[in-house]
Structures are given as C-alpha cells and as structure tokens.
ModelCIF file with pLDDT and N, C-alpha, C, O atoms, coordinates in Angstrom:
data_MODEL
#
_entry.id   MODEL 
#
_entity.id                         1 
_entity.type                       polymer 
_entity.pdbx_number_of_molecules   1 
#
_entity_poly.entity_id                      1 
_entity_poly.type                           'polypeptide(L)' 
_entity_poly.nstd_linkage                   no 
_entity_poly.nstd_monomer                   no 
_entity_poly.pdbx_seq_one_letter_code       EEEWVNVVSEGIVSVGGAAPNVGETVTIPVNIIENPGIAGF 
_entity_poly.pdbx_seq_one_letter_code_can   EEEWVNVVSEGIVSVGGAAPNVGETVTIPVNIIENPGIAGF 
_entity_poly.pdbx_strand_id                 A 
#
loop_
_entity_poly_seq.entity_id 
_entity_poly_seq.num 
_entity_poly_seq.mon_id 
_entity_poly_seq.hetero 
1 1  GLU n 
1 2  GLU n 
1 3  GLU n 
1 4  TRP n 
1 5  VAL n 
1 6  ASN n 
1 7  VAL n 
1 8  VAL n 
1 9  SER n 
1 10 GLU n 
1 11 GLY n 
1 12 ILE n 
1 13 VAL n 
1 14 SER n 
1 15 VAL n 
1 16 GLY n 
1 17 GLY n 
1 18 ALA n 
1 19 ALA n 
1 20 PRO n 
1 21 ASN n 
1 22 VAL n 
1 23 GLY n 
1 24 GLU n 
1 25 THR n 
1 26 VAL n 
1 27 THR n 
1 28 ILE n 
1 29 PRO n 
1 30 VAL n 
1 31 ASN n 
1 32 ILE n 
1 33 ILE n 
1 34 GLU n 
1 35 ASN n 
1 36 PRO n 
1 37 GLY n 
1 38 ILE n 
1 39 ALA n 
1 40 GLY n 
1 41 PHE n 
#
_struct_asym.id          A 
_struct_asym.entity_id   1 
#
loop_
_ma_qa_metric.id 
_ma_qa_metric.mode 
_ma_qa_metric.name 
_ma_qa_metric.software_group_id 
_ma_qa_metric.type 
1 global pLDDT . pLDDT 
2 local  pLDDT . pLDDT 
#
_ma_qa_metric_global.metric_id      1 
_ma_qa_metric_global.metric_value   90.37 
_ma_qa_metric_global.model_id       1 
_ma_qa_metric_global.ordinal_id     1 
#
loop_
_ma_qa_metric_local.label_asym_id 
_ma_qa_metric_local.label_comp_id 
_ma_qa_metric_local.label_seq_id 
_ma_qa_metric_local.metric_id 
_ma_qa_metric_local.metric_value 
_ma_qa_metric_local.model_id 
_ma_qa_metric_local.ordinal_id 
A GLU 1  2 46.00 1 1  
A GLU 2  2 48.00 1 2  
A GLU 3  2 64.00 1 3  
A TRP 4  2 73.00 1 4  
A VAL 5  2 81.00 1 5  
A ASN 6  2 94.00 1 6  
A VAL 7  2 94.00 1 7  
A VAL 8  2 93.00 1 8  
A SER 9  2 94.00 1 9  
A GLU 10 2 96.00 1 10 
A GLY 11 2 97.00 1 11 
A ILE 12 2 97.00 1 12 
A VAL 13 2 98.00 1 13 
A SER 14 2 97.00 1 14 
A VAL 15 2 97.00 1 15 
A GLY 16 2 95.00 1 16 
A GLY 17 2 91.00 1 17 
A ALA 18 2 88.00 1 18 
A ALA 19 2 83.00 1 19 
A PRO 20 2 86.00 1 20 
A ASN 21 2 81.00 1 21 
A VAL 22 2 85.00 1 22 
A GLY 23 2 87.00 1 23 
A GLU 24 2 89.00 1 24 
A THR 25 2 94.00 1 25 
A VAL 26 2 94.00 1 26 
A THR 27 2 96.00 1 27 
A ILE 28 2 96.00 1 28 
A PRO 29 2 97.00 1 29 
A VAL 30 2 98.00 1 30 
A ASN 31 2 98.00 1 31 
A ILE 32 2 98.00 1 32 
A ILE 33 2 97.00 1 33 
A GLU 34 2 97.00 1 34 
A ASN 35 2 98.00 1 35 
A PRO 36 2 98.00 1 36 
A GLY 37 2 98.00 1 37 
A ILE 38 2 98.00 1 38 
A ALA 39 2 98.00 1 39 
A GLY 40 2 98.00 1 40 
A PHE 41 2 98.00 1 41 
#
loop_
_atom_site.group_PDB 
_atom_site.id 
_atom_site.type_symbol 
_atom_site.label_atom_id 
_atom_site.label_alt_id 
_atom_site.label_comp_id 
_atom_site.label_asym_id 
_atom_site.label_entity_id 
_atom_site.label_seq_id 
_atom_site.pdbx_PDB_ins_code 
_atom_site.Cartn_x 
_atom_site.Cartn_y 
_atom_site.Cartn_z 
_atom_site.occupancy 
_atom_site.B_iso_or_equiv 
_atom_site.pdbx_formal_charge 
_atom_site.auth_seq_id 
_atom_site.auth_comp_id 
_atom_site.auth_asym_id 
_atom_site.auth_atom_id 
_atom_site.pdbx_PDB_model_num 
ATOM 1   N N  . GLU A 1 1  ? 46.784 -14.668 28.705  1.00 46.00 ? 1  GLU A N  1 
ATOM 2   C CA . GLU A 1 1  ? 47.601 -14.537 27.665  1.00 46.00 ? 1  GLU A CA 1 
ATOM 3   C C  . GLU A 1 1  ? 46.945 -14.940 26.338  1.00 46.00 ? 1  GLU A C  1 
ATOM 4   O O  . GLU A 1 1  ? 46.641 -16.131 26.276  1.00 46.00 ? 1  GLU A O  1 
ATOM 5   N N  . GLU A 1 2  ? 46.687 -14.247 25.348  1.00 48.00 ? 2  GLU A N  1 
ATOM 6   C CA . GLU A 1 2  ? 46.052 -14.446 24.371  1.00 48.00 ? 2  GLU A CA 1 
ATOM 7   C C  . GLU A 1 2  ? 46.826 -15.666 23.366  1.00 48.00 ? 2  GLU A C  1 
ATOM 8   O O  . GLU A 1 2  ? 48.011 -15.611 23.037  1.00 48.00 ? 2  GLU A O  1 
ATOM 9   N N  . GLU A 1 3  ? 45.888 -16.735 22.983  1.00 64.00 ? 3  GLU A N  1 
ATOM 10  C CA . GLU A 1 3  ? 46.744 -17.730 22.059  1.00 64.00 ? 3  GLU A CA 1 
ATOM 11  C C  . GLU A 1 3  ? 46.688 -17.189 20.762  1.00 64.00 ? 3  GLU A C  1 
ATOM 12  O O  . GLU A 1 3  ? 45.736 -16.549 20.314  1.00 64.00 ? 3  GLU A O  1 
ATOM 13  N N  . TRP A 1 4  ? 47.723 -17.458 20.172  1.00 73.00 ? 4  TRP A N  1 
ATOM 14  C CA . TRP A 1 4  ? 48.037 -17.136 18.692  1.00 73.00 ? 4  TRP A CA 1 
ATOM 15  C C  . TRP A 1 4  ? 48.457 -18.350 17.976  1.00 73.00 ? 4  TRP A C  1 
ATOM 16  O O  . TRP A 1 4  ? 49.221 -19.144 18.525  1.00 73.00 ? 4  TRP A O  1 
ATOM 17  N N  . VAL A 1 5  ? 47.999 -18.551 16.757  1.00 81.00 ? 5  VAL A N  1 
ATOM 18  C CA . VAL A 1 5  ? 48.144 -19.688 15.911  1.00 81.00 ? 5  VAL A CA 1 
ATOM 19  C C  . VAL A 1 5  ? 48.699 -19.130 14.665  1.00 81.00 ? 5  VAL A C  1 
ATOM 20  O O  . VAL A 1 5  ? 48.198 -18.133 14.145  1.00 81.00 ? 5  VAL A O  1 
ATOM 21  N N  . ASN A 1 6  ? 49.712 -19.736 14.175  1.00 94.00 ? 6  ASN A N  1 
ATOM 22  C CA . ASN A 1 6  ? 50.276 -19.509 12.875  1.00 94.00 ? 6  ASN A CA 1 
ATOM 23  C C  . ASN A 1 6  ? 49.617 -20.017 11.859  1.00 94.00 ? 6  ASN A C  1 
ATOM 24  O O  . ASN A 1 6  ? 49.188 -21.169 11.931  1.00 94.00 ? 6  ASN A O  1 
ATOM 25  N N  . VAL A 1 7  ? 49.428 -19.240 10.745  1.00 94.00 ? 7  VAL A N  1 
ATOM 26  C CA . VAL A 1 7  ? 48.598 -19.978 9.457   1.00 94.00 ? 7  VAL A CA 1 
ATOM 27  C C  . VAL A 1 7  ? 49.566 -20.109 8.341   1.00 94.00 ? 7  VAL A C  1 
ATOM 28  O O  . VAL A 1 7  ? 50.451 -19.295 8.077   1.00 94.00 ? 7  VAL A O  1 
ATOM 29  N N  . VAL A 1 8  ? 49.314 -21.207 7.716   1.00 93.00 ? 8  VAL A N  1 
ATOM 30  C CA . VAL A 1 8  ? 50.029 -21.549 6.478   1.00 93.00 ? 8  VAL A CA 1 
ATOM 31  C C  . VAL A 1 8  ? 49.237 -21.598 5.542   1.00 93.00 ? 8  VAL A C  1 
ATOM 32  O O  . VAL A 1 8  ? 48.488 -22.572 5.616   1.00 93.00 ? 8  VAL A O  1 
ATOM 33  N N  . SER A 1 9  ? 49.032 -20.753 4.418   1.00 94.00 ? 9  SER A N  1 
ATOM 34  C CA . SER A 1 9  ? 48.117 -20.819 3.527   1.00 94.00 ? 9  SER A CA 1 
ATOM 35  C C  . SER A 1 9  ? 48.817 -21.357 2.186   1.00 94.00 ? 9  SER A C  1 
ATOM 36  O O  . SER A 1 9  ? 48.882 -20.580 1.234   1.00 94.00 ? 9  SER A O  1 
ATOM 37  N N  . GLU A 1 10 ? 49.286 -22.508 2.081   1.00 96.00 ? 10 GLU A N  1 
ATOM 38  C CA . GLU A 1 10 ? 49.834 -23.063 0.855   1.00 96.00 ? 10 GLU A CA 1 
ATOM 39  C C  . GLU A 1 10 ? 49.473 -24.554 0.668   1.00 96.00 ? 10 GLU A C  1 
ATOM 40  O O  . GLU A 1 10 ? 48.951 -25.302 1.495   1.00 96.00 ? 10 GLU A O  1 
ATOM 41  N N  . GLY A 1 11 ? 49.796 -24.781 -0.383  1.00 97.00 ? 11 GLY A N  1 
ATOM 42  C CA . GLY A 1 11 ? 49.247 -26.266 -0.826  1.00 97.00 ? 11 GLY A CA 1 
ATOM 43  C C  . GLY A 1 11 ? 48.024 -26.299 -1.501  1.00 97.00 ? 11 GLY A C  1 
ATOM 44  O O  . GLY A 1 11 ? 47.134 -25.506 -1.193  1.00 97.00 ? 11 GLY A O  1 
ATOM 45  N N  . ILE A 1 12 ? 47.865 -27.221 -2.486  1.00 97.00 ? 12 ILE A N  1 
ATOM 46  C CA . ILE A 1 12 ? 46.588 -27.590 -3.322  1.00 97.00 ? 12 ILE A CA 1 
ATOM 47  C C  . ILE A 1 12 ? 46.158 -28.949 -3.256  1.00 97.00 ? 12 ILE A C  1 
ATOM 48  O O  . ILE A 1 12 ? 46.822 -29.878 -3.715  1.00 97.00 ? 12 ILE A O  1 
ATOM 49  N N  . VAL A 1 13 ? 45.042 -29.077 -2.684  1.00 98.00 ? 13 VAL A N  1 
ATOM 50  C CA . VAL A 1 13 ? 44.430 -30.473 -2.414  1.00 98.00 ? 13 VAL A CA 1 
ATOM 51  C C  . VAL A 1 13 ? 43.199 -30.613 -3.613  1.00 98.00 ? 13 VAL A C  1 
ATOM 52  O O  . VAL A 1 13 ? 42.265 -29.813 -3.675  1.00 98.00 ? 13 VAL A O  1 
ATOM 53  N N  . SER A 1 14 ? 43.331 -31.516 -4.342  1.00 97.00 ? 14 SER A N  1 
ATOM 54  C CA . SER A 1 14 ? 42.454 -31.597 -5.564  1.00 97.00 ? 14 SER A CA 1 
ATOM 55  C C  . SER A 1 14 ? 41.691 -33.012 -5.546  1.00 97.00 ? 14 SER A C  1 
ATOM 56  O O  . SER A 1 14 ? 42.188 -34.020 -5.043  1.00 97.00 ? 14 SER A O  1 
ATOM 57  N N  . VAL A 1 15 ? 40.412 -32.969 -6.160  1.00 97.00 ? 15 VAL A N  1 
ATOM 58  C CA . VAL A 1 15 ? 39.701 -34.274 -6.070  1.00 97.00 ? 15 VAL A CA 1 
ATOM 59  C C  . VAL A 1 15 ? 39.780 -34.711 -7.661  1.00 97.00 ? 15 VAL A C  1 
ATOM 60  O O  . VAL A 1 15 ? 39.671 -33.956 -8.627  1.00 97.00 ? 15 VAL A O  1 
ATOM 61  N N  . GLY A 1 16 ? 39.994 -36.101 -7.668  1.00 95.00 ? 16 GLY A N  1 
ATOM 62  C CA . GLY A 1 16 ? 40.230 -36.696 -9.048  1.00 95.00 ? 16 GLY A CA 1 
ATOM 63  C C  . GLY A 1 16 ? 38.868 -36.809 -9.796  1.00 95.00 ? 16 GLY A C  1 
ATOM 64  O O  . GLY A 1 16 ? 37.816 -36.730 -9.163  1.00 95.00 ? 16 GLY A O  1 
ATOM 65  N N  . GLY A 1 17 ? 38.889 -37.002 -11.195 1.00 91.00 ? 17 GLY A N  1 
ATOM 66  C CA . GLY A 1 17 ? 37.585 -37.088 -11.613 1.00 91.00 ? 17 GLY A CA 1 
ATOM 67  C C  . GLY A 1 17 ? 37.501 -38.540 -12.394 1.00 91.00 ? 17 GLY A C  1 
ATOM 68  O O  . GLY A 1 17 ? 38.467 -39.300 -12.462 1.00 91.00 ? 17 GLY A O  1 
ATOM 69  N N  . ALA A 1 18 ? 36.326 -38.792 -12.921 1.00 88.00 ? 18 ALA A N  1 
ATOM 70  C CA . ALA A 1 18 ? 36.422 -40.204 -13.599 1.00 88.00 ? 18 ALA A CA 1 
ATOM 71  C C  . ALA A 1 18 ? 35.116 -40.100 -14.429 1.00 88.00 ? 18 ALA A C  1 
ATOM 72  O O  . ALA A 1 18 ? 34.251 -39.252 -14.207 1.00 88.00 ? 18 ALA A O  1 
ATOM 73  N N  . ALA A 1 19 ? 35.047 -41.138 -15.508 1.00 83.00 ? 19 ALA A N  1 
ATOM 74  C CA . ALA A 1 19 ? 33.808 -41.250 -16.378 1.00 83.00 ? 19 ALA A CA 1 
ATOM 75  C C  . ALA A 1 19 ? 33.302 -42.756 -16.371 1.00 83.00 ? 19 ALA A C  1 
ATOM 76  O O  . ALA A 1 19 ? 33.475 -43.553 -17.293 1.00 83.00 ? 19 ALA A O  1 
ATOM 77  N N  . PRO A 1 20 ? 32.611 -43.021 -15.109 1.00 86.00 ? 20 PRO A N  1 
ATOM 78  C CA . PRO A 1 20 ? 32.342 -44.459 -14.982 1.00 86.00 ? 20 PRO A CA 1 
ATOM 79  C C  . PRO A 1 20 ? 30.856 -44.834 -15.688 1.00 86.00 ? 20 PRO A C  1 
ATOM 80  O O  . PRO A 1 20 ? 30.142 -43.868 -15.956 1.00 86.00 ? 20 PRO A O  1 
ATOM 81  N N  . ASN A 1 21 ? 30.431 -45.973 -15.954 1.00 81.00 ? 21 ASN A N  1 
ATOM 82  C CA . ASN A 1 21 ? 29.293 -46.414 -16.521 1.00 81.00 ? 21 ASN A CA 1 
ATOM 83  C C  . ASN A 1 21 ? 28.529 -46.662 -15.268 1.00 81.00 ? 21 ASN A C  1 
ATOM 84  O O  . ASN A 1 21 ? 29.073 -46.906 -14.191 1.00 81.00 ? 21 ASN A O  1 
ATOM 85  N N  . VAL A 1 22 ? 27.064 -46.578 -15.482 1.00 85.00 ? 22 VAL A N  1 
ATOM 86  C CA . VAL A 1 22 ? 26.066 -46.719 -14.628 1.00 85.00 ? 22 VAL A CA 1 
ATOM 87  C C  . VAL A 1 22 ? 26.265 -48.099 -13.950 1.00 85.00 ? 22 VAL A C  1 
ATOM 88  O O  . VAL A 1 22 ? 26.642 -49.024 -14.669 1.00 85.00 ? 22 VAL A O  1 
ATOM 89  N N  . GLY A 1 23 ? 26.062 -48.304 -12.727 1.00 87.00 ? 23 GLY A N  1 
ATOM 90  C CA . GLY A 1 23 ? 26.261 -49.686 -11.996 1.00 87.00 ? 23 GLY A CA 1 
ATOM 91  C C  . GLY A 1 23 ? 27.656 -49.866 -11.600 1.00 87.00 ? 23 GLY A C  1 
ATOM 92  O O  . GLY A 1 23 ? 27.977 -50.817 -10.888 1.00 87.00 ? 23 GLY A O  1 
ATOM 93  N N  . GLU A 1 24 ? 28.465 -49.047 -12.003 1.00 89.00 ? 24 GLU A N  1 
ATOM 94  C CA . GLU A 1 24 ? 30.170 -49.532 -11.935 1.00 89.00 ? 24 GLU A CA 1 
ATOM 95  C C  . GLU A 1 24 ? 30.567 -49.076 -10.552 1.00 89.00 ? 24 GLU A C  1 
ATOM 96  O O  . GLU A 1 24 ? 29.729 -48.470 -9.885  1.00 89.00 ? 24 GLU A O  1 
ATOM 97  N N  . THR A 1 25 ? 31.751 -49.310 -10.068 1.00 94.00 ? 25 THR A N  1 
ATOM 98  C CA . THR A 1 25 ? 32.425 -48.948 -9.101  1.00 94.00 ? 25 THR A CA 1 
ATOM 99  C C  . THR A 1 25 ? 33.567 -48.204 -9.291  1.00 94.00 ? 25 THR A C  1 
ATOM 100 O O  . THR A 1 25 ? 34.444 -48.786 -9.930  1.00 94.00 ? 25 THR A O  1 
ATOM 101 N N  . VAL A 1 26 ? 33.839 -46.946 -8.874  1.00 94.00 ? 26 VAL A N  1 
ATOM 102 C CA . VAL A 1 26 ? 34.676 -46.029 -9.166  1.00 94.00 ? 26 VAL A CA 1 
ATOM 103 C C  . VAL A 1 26 ? 35.478 -45.506 -8.044  1.00 94.00 ? 26 VAL A C  1 
ATOM 104 O O  . VAL A 1 26 ? 34.943 -45.287 -6.957  1.00 94.00 ? 26 VAL A O  1 
ATOM 105 N N  . THR A 1 27 ? 36.941 -45.257 -8.284  1.00 96.00 ? 27 THR A N  1 
ATOM 106 C CA . THR A 1 27 ? 37.740 -44.805 -7.146  1.00 96.00 ? 27 THR A CA 1 
ATOM 107 C C  . THR A 1 27 ? 38.112 -43.346 -7.560  1.00 96.00 ? 27 THR A C  1 
ATOM 108 O O  . THR A 1 27 ? 38.462 -43.020 -8.694  1.00 96.00 ? 27 THR A O  1 
ATOM 109 N N  . ILE A 1 28 ? 37.992 -42.534 -6.512  1.00 96.00 ? 28 ILE A N  1 
ATOM 110 C CA . ILE A 1 28 ? 38.130 -41.167 -6.717  1.00 96.00 ? 28 ILE A CA 1 
ATOM 111 C C  . ILE A 1 28 ? 39.330 -40.851 -5.738  1.00 96.00 ? 28 ILE A C  1 
ATOM 112 O O  . ILE A 1 28 ? 39.252 -40.962 -4.515  1.00 96.00 ? 28 ILE A O  1 
ATOM 113 N N  . PRO A 1 29 ? 40.526 -40.415 -6.482  1.00 97.00 ? 29 PRO A N  1 
ATOM 114 C CA . PRO A 1 29 ? 41.652 -40.010 -5.455  1.00 97.00 ? 29 PRO A CA 1 
ATOM 115 C C  . PRO A 1 29 ? 41.642 -38.522 -4.957  1.00 97.00 ? 29 PRO A C  1 
ATOM 116 O O  . PRO A 1 29 ? 41.178 -37.627 -5.664  1.00 97.00 ? 29 PRO A O  1 
ATOM 117 N N  . VAL A 1 30 ? 42.064 -38.340 -3.967  1.00 98.00 ? 30 VAL A N  1 
ATOM 118 C CA . VAL A 1 30 ? 42.403 -36.819 -3.357  1.00 98.00 ? 30 VAL A CA 1 
ATOM 119 C C  . VAL A 1 30 ? 43.986 -36.708 -3.189  1.00 98.00 ? 30 VAL A C  1 
ATOM 120 O O  . VAL A 1 30 ? 44.732 -37.535 -2.666  1.00 98.00 ? 30 VAL A O  1 
ATOM 121 N N  . ASN A 1 31 ? 44.266 -35.649 -3.685  1.00 98.00 ? 31 ASN A N  1 
ATOM 122 C CA . ASN A 1 31 ? 45.837 -35.616 -4.130  1.00 98.00 ? 31 ASN A CA 1 
ATOM 123 C C  . ASN A 1 31 ? 46.237 -33.983 -3.427  1.00 98.00 ? 31 ASN A C  1 
ATOM 124 O O  . ASN A 1 31 ? 45.448 -33.064 -3.208  1.00 98.00 ? 31 ASN A O  1 
ATOM 125 N N  . ILE A 1 32 ? 47.400 -34.013 -3.237  1.00 98.00 ? 32 ILE A N  1 
ATOM 126 C CA . ILE A 1 32 ? 48.143 -32.865 -2.692  1.00 98.00 ? 32 ILE A CA 1 
ATOM 127 C C  . ILE A 1 32 ? 49.262 -32.608 -3.519  1.00 98.00 ? 32 ILE A C  1 
ATOM 128 O O  . ILE A 1 32 ? 50.081 -33.477 -3.817  1.00 98.00 ? 32 ILE A O  1 
ATOM 129 N N  . ILE A 1 33 ? 49.319 -31.272 -3.945  1.00 97.00 ? 33 ILE A N  1 
ATOM 130 C CA . ILE A 1 33 ? 50.590 -30.962 -4.629  1.00 97.00 ? 33 ILE A CA 1 
ATOM 131 C C  . ILE A 1 33 ? 51.161 -29.535 -3.736  1.00 97.00 ? 33 ILE A C  1 
ATOM 132 O O  . ILE A 1 33 ? 50.552 -29.124 -2.749  1.00 97.00 ? 33 ILE A O  1 
ATOM 133 N N  . GLU A 1 34 ? 52.266 -28.957 -4.202  1.00 97.00 ? 34 GLU A N  1 
ATOM 134 C CA . GLU A 1 34 ? 52.833 -27.948 -3.141  1.00 97.00 ? 34 GLU A CA 1 
ATOM 135 C C  . GLU A 1 34 ? 52.807 -28.199 -1.952  1.00 97.00 ? 34 GLU A C  1 
ATOM 136 O O  . GLU A 1 34 ? 52.705 -27.197 -1.244  1.00 97.00 ? 34 GLU A O  1 
ATOM 137 N N  . ASN A 1 35 ? 52.868 -29.336 -1.339  1.00 98.00 ? 35 ASN A N  1 
ATOM 138 C CA . ASN A 1 35 ? 52.806 -29.808 -0.021  1.00 98.00 ? 35 ASN A CA 1 
ATOM 139 C C  . ASN A 1 35 ? 53.502 -28.822 1.056   1.00 98.00 ? 35 ASN A C  1 
ATOM 140 O O  . ASN A 1 35 ? 54.733 -28.801 1.058   1.00 98.00 ? 35 ASN A O  1 
ATOM 141 N N  . PRO A 1 36 ? 52.794 -27.995 1.981   1.00 98.00 ? 36 PRO A N  1 
ATOM 142 C CA . PRO A 1 36 ? 53.746 -27.365 2.840   1.00 98.00 ? 36 PRO A CA 1 
ATOM 143 C C  . PRO A 1 36 ? 54.089 -28.068 4.078   1.00 98.00 ? 36 PRO A C  1 
ATOM 144 O O  . PRO A 1 36 ? 54.606 -27.524 5.055   1.00 98.00 ? 36 PRO A O  1 
ATOM 145 N N  . GLY A 1 37 ? 53.792 -29.236 3.991   1.00 98.00 ? 37 GLY A N  1 
ATOM 146 C CA . GLY A 1 37 ? 54.078 -30.172 5.187   1.00 98.00 ? 37 GLY A CA 1 
ATOM 147 C C  . GLY A 1 37 ? 52.947 -30.100 6.319   1.00 98.00 ? 37 GLY A C  1 
ATOM 148 O O  . GLY A 1 37 ? 52.753 -29.233 7.172   1.00 98.00 ? 37 GLY A O  1 
ATOM 149 N N  . ILE A 1 38 ? 52.213 -31.379 6.031   1.00 98.00 ? 38 ILE A N  1 
ATOM 150 C CA . ILE A 1 38 ? 51.051 -31.475 7.176   1.00 98.00 ? 38 ILE A CA 1 
ATOM 151 C C  . ILE A 1 38 ? 51.189 -32.718 8.069   1.00 98.00 ? 38 ILE A C  1 
ATOM 152 O O  . ILE A 1 38 ? 51.829 -33.682 7.651   1.00 98.00 ? 38 ILE A O  1 
ATOM 153 N N  . ALA A 1 39 ? 50.645 -32.733 9.216   1.00 98.00 ? 39 ALA A N  1 
ATOM 154 C CA . ALA A 1 39 ? 50.581 -33.707 10.152  1.00 98.00 ? 39 ALA A CA 1 
ATOM 155 C C  . ALA A 1 39 ? 49.230 -34.283 10.552  1.00 98.00 ? 39 ALA A C  1 
ATOM 156 O O  . ALA A 1 39 ? 49.128 -35.201 11.365  1.00 98.00 ? 39 ALA A O  1 
ATOM 157 N N  . GLY A 1 40 ? 48.251 -33.733 9.977   1.00 98.00 ? 40 GLY A N  1 
ATOM 158 C CA . GLY A 1 40 ? 47.007 -34.202 10.289  1.00 98.00 ? 40 GLY A CA 1 
ATOM 159 C C  . GLY A 1 40 ? 45.798 -33.276 9.520   1.00 98.00 ? 40 GLY A C  1 
ATOM 160 O O  . GLY A 1 40 ? 45.868 -32.067 9.297   1.00 98.00 ? 40 GLY A O  1 
ATOM 161 N N  . PHE A 1 41 ? 44.796 -34.087 9.215   1.00 98.00 ? 41 PHE A N  1 
ATOM 162 C CA . PHE A 1 41 ? 43.687 -33.397 8.554   1.00 98.00 ? 41 PHE A CA 1 
ATOM 163 C C  . PHE A 1 41 ? 42.375 -33.928 8.929   1.00 98.00 ? 41 PHE A C  1 
ATOM 164 O O  . PHE A 1 41 ? 41.351 -33.442 8.448   1.00 98.00 ? 41 PHE A O  1 
#
C-alpha cells in the first residue's frame, strides 16, 4: 500500500532583522504569520 502524505503549502515564516553595534549581543526573532496550524518543526 503506497503511503500518501497530504501537503499544506501555507504560512509565512520570517527572520527578524537588527542593526547592532560591533561587540553587542543581538536577539533575532523567527516569526510565523498566516499560520495554517503546526505541531512540530
């Protein structure tokens, strides 16, 4: 029996930007919009 997996091609995952100085610590968020529903990544 051939396995068949449904594909959901929805959602946008984006990386945040920043303008730090040299030697600083910077936090970069990874966000999702238009979330189709996820349970693991």
